[in-house]
Amino acid sequence: MDRSENGDVMHVKRVAAYFRGKQAILLRLLSFAALALVLSALAYKVETLTYESYVRDLKLNATVEVVEVRERIEKTVIERIIELNEMATIISQNSDMNQTEFNIKAVDFILTNDDVKFIAAAPDLVVSMVFPKTGNEDTLGLNYRERSKHISKIEEALRTGDNTMTGPVDLKTGGRGLIIRTPVFTNGTSAKKAPWGILSVVLDYDKFLLNVGMPKFEERFDILIYERNHPAVQSGDTLLGDTSILDADPVFLDFNLPFGTWQMAATLDGGWPQHLPNHTMRLINYTVAILSCLIGLGLIMRLFDKRREAERMLSIGIESLEHGFVMYDADRRLVA
């Protein structure tokens, strides 16, 4: 083989070696990218599961805390209903009760409950007695049949005998009120109960919330208290809060009240956190861990490269010897 042919062969070998080197580098880069992708996916999964567990714990703790709010509201409302039903029983036994007699019965109600603004009796659904009368004169003569917003609930109460709760409503006397109503019946001529009318107690809405400790809880929670007409339809009276809370994956608690279907929805103030408290530091730790794995892989590959190069150099050296070559290991076993 002449010198020019030998040069061509060497050139071809160099080109082949060059492309083999490029291919090896590409494969190595792909290996690094695949490992980085797998580790990133694993880190994302761990972070997601940790976050979900964190939010579950927050929801559990929130549920435990807002249970106290629910119990206070239930206790207060049921106490008012019991007292109102006692007055309704007295009226049913004395359907011709006048204003003075009504005042005597109502004054105890007012004195024992500081959140009560006034009590009104509406025989035949027209308010004819109210206590205290001072400041509430405009309530006298109110015809519930002309109040389309409330008449359906009142008629339902007269039909079923159940109590109702409405509010908060803006009061003519100023401020907002929470209205609890109970139907009053008298014994008819055929021993069948006949509807007499409606007895209502109007609670000071803001004082009611203060008494059940709501301001303290609203510092930490967004709370919605509302009446559901049907399990699939969130509608009815909203006692507190904004219905937008329903879109924030809240925790739910049902009220054990003797009327309606009331429910509480709650989230942390501003909603549930989008990340874990130490989210940034965790991302840094994940990044450092992934980089450490990639660097470790690179070092391992580098050691393998050095070993292969040493074996190649040894093989070249052996092949260049003019005489035979034998190698034994430490246990005198034939190696090469």
Protein backbone atom coordinates (compact mmCIF):
# COMPACT_ATOMS: atom_id res chain seq x y z
CA MET A 1 0.00 0.00 0.00
CA ASP A 2 1.56 3.33 -1.08
CA ARG A 3 1.72 6.44 1.07
CA SER A 4 -1.37 8.13 -0.47
CA GLU A 5 -3.57 5.07 0.09
CA ASN A 6 -2.32 4.78 3.63
CA GLY A 7 -3.20 8.46 4.19
CA ASP A 8 -6.73 7.90 2.86
CA VAL A 9 -7.23 4.97 5.20
CA MET A 10 -6.04 7.00 8.17
CA HIS A 11 -8.37 9.85 7.19
CA VAL A 12 -11.35 7.50 7.00
CA LYS A 13 -10.48 6.10 10.40
CA ARG A 14 -10.22 9.59 11.89
CA VAL A 15 -13.59 10.56 10.42
CA ALA A 16 -15.17 7.36 11.75
CA ALA A 17 -13.64 7.96 15.17
CA TYR A 18 -14.91 11.53 15.12
CA PHE A 19 -18.50 10.44 14.44
CA ARG A 20 -18.26 7.67 17.02
CA GLY A 21 -17.16 10.29 19.54
CA LYS A 22 -20.06 12.58 18.61
CA GLN A 23 -22.49 9.67 18.88
CA ALA A 24 -21.15 8.77 22.29
CA ILE A 25 -21.54 12.38 23.46
CA LEU A 26 -25.12 12.50 22.13
CA LEU A 27 -26.02 9.25 23.86
CA ARG A 28 -24.51 10.55 27.06
CA LEU A 29 -26.50 13.79 26.84
CA LEU A 30 -29.67 11.81 26.21
CA SER A 31 -28.90 9.70 29.27
CA PHE A 32 -28.47 12.83 31.38
CA ALA A 33 -31.72 14.31 30.01
CA ALA A 34 -33.66 11.09 30.66
CA LEU A 35 -32.37 10.88 34.23
CA ALA A 36 -33.16 14.54 34.86
CA LEU A 37 -36.70 14.03 33.49
CA VAL A 38 -37.31 10.95 35.66
CA LEU A 39 -36.00 12.66 38.79
CA SER A 40 -38.05 15.81 38.06
CA ALA A 41 -41.22 13.74 37.61
CA LEU A 42 -40.48 11.91 40.87
CA ALA A 43 -39.90 15.21 42.69
CA TYR A 44 -43.15 16.63 41.27
CA LYS A 45 -45.09 13.57 42.41
CA VAL A 46 -43.60 13.75 45.92
CA GLU A 47 -44.35 17.48 46.11
CA THR A 48 -47.93 16.97 44.89
CA LEU A 49 -48.65 14.21 47.41
CA THR A 50 -47.06 16.22 50.22
CA TYR A 51 -49.13 19.29 49.29
CA GLU A 52 -52.37 17.28 49.13
CA SER A 53 -51.64 15.81 52.55
CA TYR A 54 -50.91 19.29 53.89
CA VAL A 55 -54.22 20.67 52.57
CA ARG A 56 -56.12 17.67 53.98
CA ASP A 57 -54.64 18.42 57.40
CA LEU A 58 -55.63 22.09 57.05
CA LYS A 59 -59.18 21.11 56.13
CA LEU A 60 -59.40 18.70 59.06
CA ASN A 61 -58.19 21.36 61.48
CA ALA A 62 -60.54 23.94 59.94
CA THR A 63 -63.48 21.55 60.32
CA VAL A 64 -62.67 20.98 63.97
CA GLU A 65 -62.51 24.72 64.62
CA VAL A 66 -65.65 25.75 62.73
CA VAL A 67 -67.62 23.01 64.47
CA GLU A 68 -67.49 25.33 67.48
CA VAL A 69 -69.10 28.11 65.43
CA ARG A 70 -71.83 25.78 64.24
CA GLU A 71 -72.59 24.58 67.76
CA ARG A 72 -72.82 28.14 69.09
CA ILE A 73 -75.20 29.17 66.30
CA GLU A 74 -77.32 26.05 66.77
CA LYS A 75 -77.49 26.61 70.53
CA THR A 76 -78.47 30.29 70.20
CA VAL A 77 -81.07 29.75 67.48
CA ILE A 78 -82.66 26.75 69.20
CA GLU A 79 -82.86 28.65 72.51
CA ARG A 80 -84.69 31.50 70.73
CA ILE A 81 -87.01 29.03 69.01
CA ILE A 82 -87.89 27.30 72.30
CA GLU A 83 -88.70 30.62 73.96
CA LEU A 84 -90.68 31.76 70.91
CA ASN A 85 -92.63 28.49 70.87
CA GLU A 86 -93.49 29.00 74.54
CA MET A 87 -94.93 32.41 73.70
CA ALA A 88 -96.80 30.90 70.74
CA THR A 89 -98.34 28.31 73.08
CA ILE A 90 -99.49 31.07 75.44
CA ILE A 91 -101.04 33.00 72.55
CA SER A 92 -102.76 29.89 71.22
CA GLN A 93 -104.41 29.46 74.62
CA ASN A 94 -105.38 33.13 74.74
CA SER A 95 -106.05 34.09 71.13
CA ASP A 96 -107.77 37.34 72.23
CA MET A 97 -104.59 38.58 73.94
CA ASN A 98 -104.31 42.38 73.94
CA GLN A 99 -101.20 44.57 73.67
CA THR A 100 -100.73 44.86 77.43
CA GLU A 101 -100.87 41.11 77.98
CA PHE A 102 -98.52 40.64 75.04
CA ASN A 103 -96.07 43.14 76.55
CA ILE A 104 -95.97 41.26 79.84
CA LYS A 105 -95.04 38.03 78.09
CA ALA A 106 -92.59 39.66 75.69
CA VAL A 107 -90.64 41.69 78.25
CA ASP A 108 -89.06 38.57 79.76
CA PHE A 109 -87.95 37.48 76.30
CA ILE A 110 -86.29 40.85 75.70
CA LEU A 111 -84.61 41.02 79.11
CA THR A 112 -83.04 37.56 78.92
CA ASN A 113 -81.74 37.94 75.36
CA ASP A 114 -79.68 41.03 74.63
CA ASP A 115 -79.66 40.38 70.87
CA VAL A 116 -83.48 40.63 70.54
CA LYS A 117 -84.63 43.90 68.94
CA PHE A 118 -88.38 43.32 69.13
CA ILE A 119 -91.16 40.74 69.01
CA ALA A 120 -94.20 41.02 66.76
CA ALA A 121 -97.48 39.11 66.63
CA ALA A 122 -99.45 38.97 63.39
CA PRO A 123 -102.91 37.43 63.71
CA ASP A 124 -104.25 36.64 60.25
CA LEU A 125 -100.76 37.64 58.96
CA VAL A 126 -101.17 41.33 59.85
CA VAL A 127 -98.92 42.70 62.61
CA SER A 128 -101.13 44.08 65.39
CA MET A 129 -98.84 43.79 68.45
CA VAL A 130 -95.18 44.63 68.82
CA PHE A 131 -92.86 44.99 71.79
CA PRO A 132 -91.15 47.27 72.45
CA LYS A 133 -93.50 49.53 70.58
CA THR A 134 -91.30 52.61 70.83
CA GLY A 135 -89.22 52.89 67.69
CA ASN A 136 -91.10 50.06 66.00
CA GLU A 137 -94.40 51.83 65.25
CA ASP A 138 -93.90 51.34 61.50
CA THR A 139 -94.09 47.59 61.98
CA LEU A 140 -97.72 47.79 63.14
CA GLY A 141 -100.14 47.11 60.31
CA LEU A 142 -97.56 45.22 58.25
CA ASN A 143 -99.40 42.72 56.02
CA TYR A 144 -97.22 39.70 55.26
CA ARG A 145 -99.39 38.86 52.26
CA GLU A 146 -97.97 41.95 50.60
CA ARG A 147 -94.40 40.81 51.20
CA SER A 148 -93.75 38.51 48.26
CA LYS A 149 -90.22 37.75 49.48
CA HIS A 150 -91.40 36.20 52.75
CA ILE A 151 -94.98 35.06 52.19
CA SER A 152 -94.00 31.70 50.67
CA LYS A 153 -92.01 30.76 53.77
CA ILE A 154 -94.77 31.96 56.08
CA GLU A 155 -97.43 29.99 54.23
CA GLU A 156 -95.19 26.92 54.32
CA ALA A 157 -94.78 27.36 58.09
CA LEU A 158 -98.55 27.57 58.57
CA ARG A 159 -99.00 24.47 56.45
CA THR A 160 -96.33 22.35 58.19
CA GLY A 161 -96.23 23.95 61.64
CA ASP A 162 -92.43 24.40 61.37
CA ASN A 163 -90.37 27.44 62.31
CA THR A 164 -88.58 29.56 59.72
CA MET A 165 -85.50 31.77 59.78
CA THR A 166 -84.87 34.65 57.38
CA GLY A 167 -82.04 37.12 57.15
CA PRO A 168 -80.20 39.22 57.34
CA VAL A 169 -82.76 41.83 56.26
CA ASP A 170 -82.58 45.62 56.36
CA LEU A 171 -84.95 46.89 59.04
CA LYS A 172 -87.05 50.03 58.78
CA THR A 173 -85.87 50.91 62.26
CA GLY A 174 -82.26 50.75 61.08
CA GLY A 175 -79.61 48.09 61.04
CA ARG A 176 -80.00 44.50 59.98
CA GLY A 177 -82.08 41.80 61.56
CA LEU A 178 -82.37 38.04 61.67
CA ILE A 179 -86.02 37.01 61.81
CA ILE A 180 -87.23 33.78 63.41
CA ARG A 181 -90.92 33.04 62.96
CA THR A 182 -93.19 30.41 64.40
CA PRO A 183 -96.79 29.69 63.37
CA VAL A 184 -99.52 30.01 65.98
CA PHE A 185 -102.56 27.74 65.98
CA THR A 186 -105.75 27.68 68.00
CA ASN A 187 -108.17 24.84 68.51
CA GLY A 188 -111.00 25.07 65.99
CA THR A 189 -114.62 24.13 66.47
CA SER A 190 -113.93 20.59 65.26
CA ALA A 191 -110.98 20.13 67.65
CA LYS A 192 -108.72 20.65 64.68
CA LYS A 193 -105.96 23.24 64.96
CA ALA A 194 -106.76 26.41 63.10
CA PRO A 195 -104.05 28.89 61.99
CA TRP A 196 -104.10 32.03 64.13
CA GLY A 197 -101.13 33.80 62.55
CA ILE A 198 -97.39 34.30 62.92
CA LEU A 199 -95.22 35.21 65.91
CA SER A 200 -91.84 36.72 65.00
CA VAL A 201 -88.72 37.65 66.92
CA VAL A 202 -86.22 39.99 65.28
CA LEU A 203 -82.62 39.57 66.39
CA ASP A 204 -79.96 42.22 66.01
CA TYR A 205 -77.88 40.59 63.28
CA ASP A 206 -74.53 42.12 64.24
CA LYS A 207 -75.02 41.43 67.95
CA PHE A 208 -76.10 37.87 67.15
CA LEU A 209 -72.85 37.27 65.26
CA LEU A 210 -70.88 38.88 68.08
CA ASN A 211 -72.54 36.66 70.69
CA VAL A 212 -71.68 33.46 68.81
CA GLY A 213 -68.05 34.61 68.46
CA MET A 214 -68.12 35.00 64.69
CA PRO A 215 -65.73 38.01 64.44
CA LYS A 216 -62.94 35.95 66.02
CA PHE A 217 -63.39 33.15 63.52
CA GLU A 218 -63.68 35.51 60.54
CA GLU A 219 -60.13 36.66 61.29
CA ARG A 220 -58.91 33.22 60.19
CA PHE A 221 -61.66 31.82 58.00
CA ASP A 222 -63.88 32.76 55.08
CA ILE A 223 -67.29 31.47 56.14
CA LEU A 224 -70.57 31.08 54.28
CA ILE A 225 -73.78 30.13 56.09
CA TYR A 226 -76.71 29.59 53.75
CA GLU A 227 -79.98 27.74 53.30
CA ARG A 228 -80.22 25.15 50.58
CA ASN A 229 -83.64 24.57 49.05
CA HIS A 230 -82.39 21.41 47.36
CA PRO A 231 -79.15 19.42 47.68
CA ALA A 232 -78.25 20.16 44.05
CA VAL A 233 -79.11 23.86 44.17
CA GLN A 234 -77.25 26.32 46.38
CA SER A 235 -79.98 28.90 46.84
CA GLY A 236 -82.04 30.45 49.59
CA ASP A 237 -81.19 32.83 52.41
CA THR A 238 -77.53 33.63 53.03
CA LEU A 239 -77.00 34.25 56.71
CA LEU A 240 -73.33 35.13 56.34
CA GLY A 241 -70.63 35.33 53.70
CA ASP A 242 -70.36 35.23 49.93
CA THR A 243 -71.42 32.29 47.75
CA SER A 244 -68.12 32.54 45.85
CA ILE A 245 -66.69 30.45 48.71
CA LEU A 246 -68.47 27.46 47.14
CA ASP A 247 -65.99 27.59 44.24
CA ALA A 248 -62.97 27.43 46.58
CA ASP A 249 -63.29 23.74 47.60
CA PRO A 250 -64.51 24.52 51.14
CA VAL A 251 -65.25 22.16 53.99
CA PHE A 252 -68.97 21.71 54.67
CA LEU A 253 -70.94 21.31 57.88
CA ASP A 254 -74.69 20.80 58.15
CA PHE A 255 -76.74 22.54 60.83
CA ASN A 256 -79.01 20.51 63.06
CA LEU A 257 -81.87 23.03 63.08
CA PRO A 258 -85.59 22.23 63.27
CA PHE A 259 -86.30 24.04 60.00
CA GLY A 260 -84.85 24.32 56.51
CA THR A 261 -81.61 22.85 55.24
CA TRP A 262 -78.84 25.10 56.48
CA GLN A 263 -75.19 24.52 55.76
CA MET A 264 -71.85 26.12 56.54
CA ALA A 265 -68.98 26.28 54.06
CA ALA A 266 -65.53 27.44 55.19
CA THR A 267 -62.00 27.93 53.91
CA LEU A 268 -58.96 29.60 55.39
CA ASP A 269 -58.97 33.38 55.04
CA GLY A 270 -58.13 34.00 51.37
CA GLY A 271 -58.58 30.32 50.47
CA TRP A 272 -56.35 27.30 50.82
CA PRO A 273 -52.62 27.97 50.17
CA GLN A 274 -51.41 27.18 46.66
CA HIS A 275 -48.07 25.83 47.90
CA LEU A 276 -46.46 24.35 50.98
CA PRO A 277 -45.13 26.92 53.48
CA ASN A 278 -41.47 26.19 52.53
CA HIS A 279 -42.21 25.79 48.82
CA THR A 280 -39.21 27.80 47.53
CA MET A 281 -36.69 26.03 49.76
CA ARG A 282 -38.13 22.66 48.77
CA LEU A 283 -37.69 23.53 45.08
CA ILE A 284 -34.08 24.50 45.76
CA ASN A 285 -33.50 21.20 47.59
CA TYR A 286 -35.05 19.22 44.72
CA THR A 287 -32.87 21.07 42.21
CA VAL A 288 -29.71 20.46 44.25
CA ALA A 289 -30.60 16.76 44.62
CA ILE A 290 -31.19 16.34 40.87
CA LEU A 291 -27.95 18.15 40.01
CA SER A 292 -26.08 15.99 42.53
CA CYS A 293 -27.43 12.84 40.87
CA LEU A 294 -26.43 14.11 37.42
CA ILE A 295 -22.94 15.02 38.65
CA GLY A 296 -22.64 11.62 40.30
CA LEU A 297 -23.67 9.93 37.06
CA GLY A 298 -21.11 12.01 35.18
CA LEU A 299 -18.33 10.99 37.59
CA ILE A 300 -19.28 7.32 37.29
CA MET A 301 -19.21 7.57 33.50
CA ARG A 302 -15.86 9.33 33.71
CA LEU A 303 -14.42 6.49 35.82
CA PHE A 304 -15.71 3.93 33.34
CA ASP A 305 -14.11 5.91 30.50
CA LYS A 306 -10.78 5.95 32.31
CA ARG A 307 -11.01 2.22 32.96
CA ARG A 308 -11.82 1.47 29.34
CA GLU A 309 -8.90 3.69 28.22
CA ALA A 310 -6.54 1.91 30.61
CA GLU A 311 -7.69 -1.48 29.32
CA ARG A 312 -7.25 -0.27 25.74
CA MET A 313 -3.72 0.99 26.44
CA LEU A 314 -2.87 -2.28 28.17
CA SER A 315 -4.18 -4.24 25.21
CA ILE A 316 -2.13 -2.14 22.79
CA GLY A 317 0.96 -2.59 24.93
CA ILE A 318 0.49 -6.35 25.08
CA GLU A 319 -0.06 -6.63 21.35
CA SER A 320 3.17 -4.71 20.70
CA LEU A 321 5.30 -7.22 22.62
CA GLU A 322 7.43 -9.56 20.54
CA HIS A 323 7.16 -12.40 23.07
CA GLY A 324 4.29 -14.14 24.81
CA PHE A 325 2.51 -12.49 27.76
CA VAL A 326 0.73 -14.13 30.69
CA MET A 327 -1.15 -12.39 33.57
CA TYR A 328 -2.34 -13.95 36.84
CA ASP A 329 -4.54 -12.50 39.57
CA ALA A 330 -3.75 -12.47 43.33
CA ASP A 331 -5.00 -16.06 43.67
CA ARG A 332 -2.71 -17.12 40.83
CA ARG A 333 -5.64 -17.65 38.48
CA LEU A 334 -4.96 -17.07 34.78
CA VAL A 335 -6.38 -13.72 33.71
CA ALA A 336 -4.82 -13.10 30.26
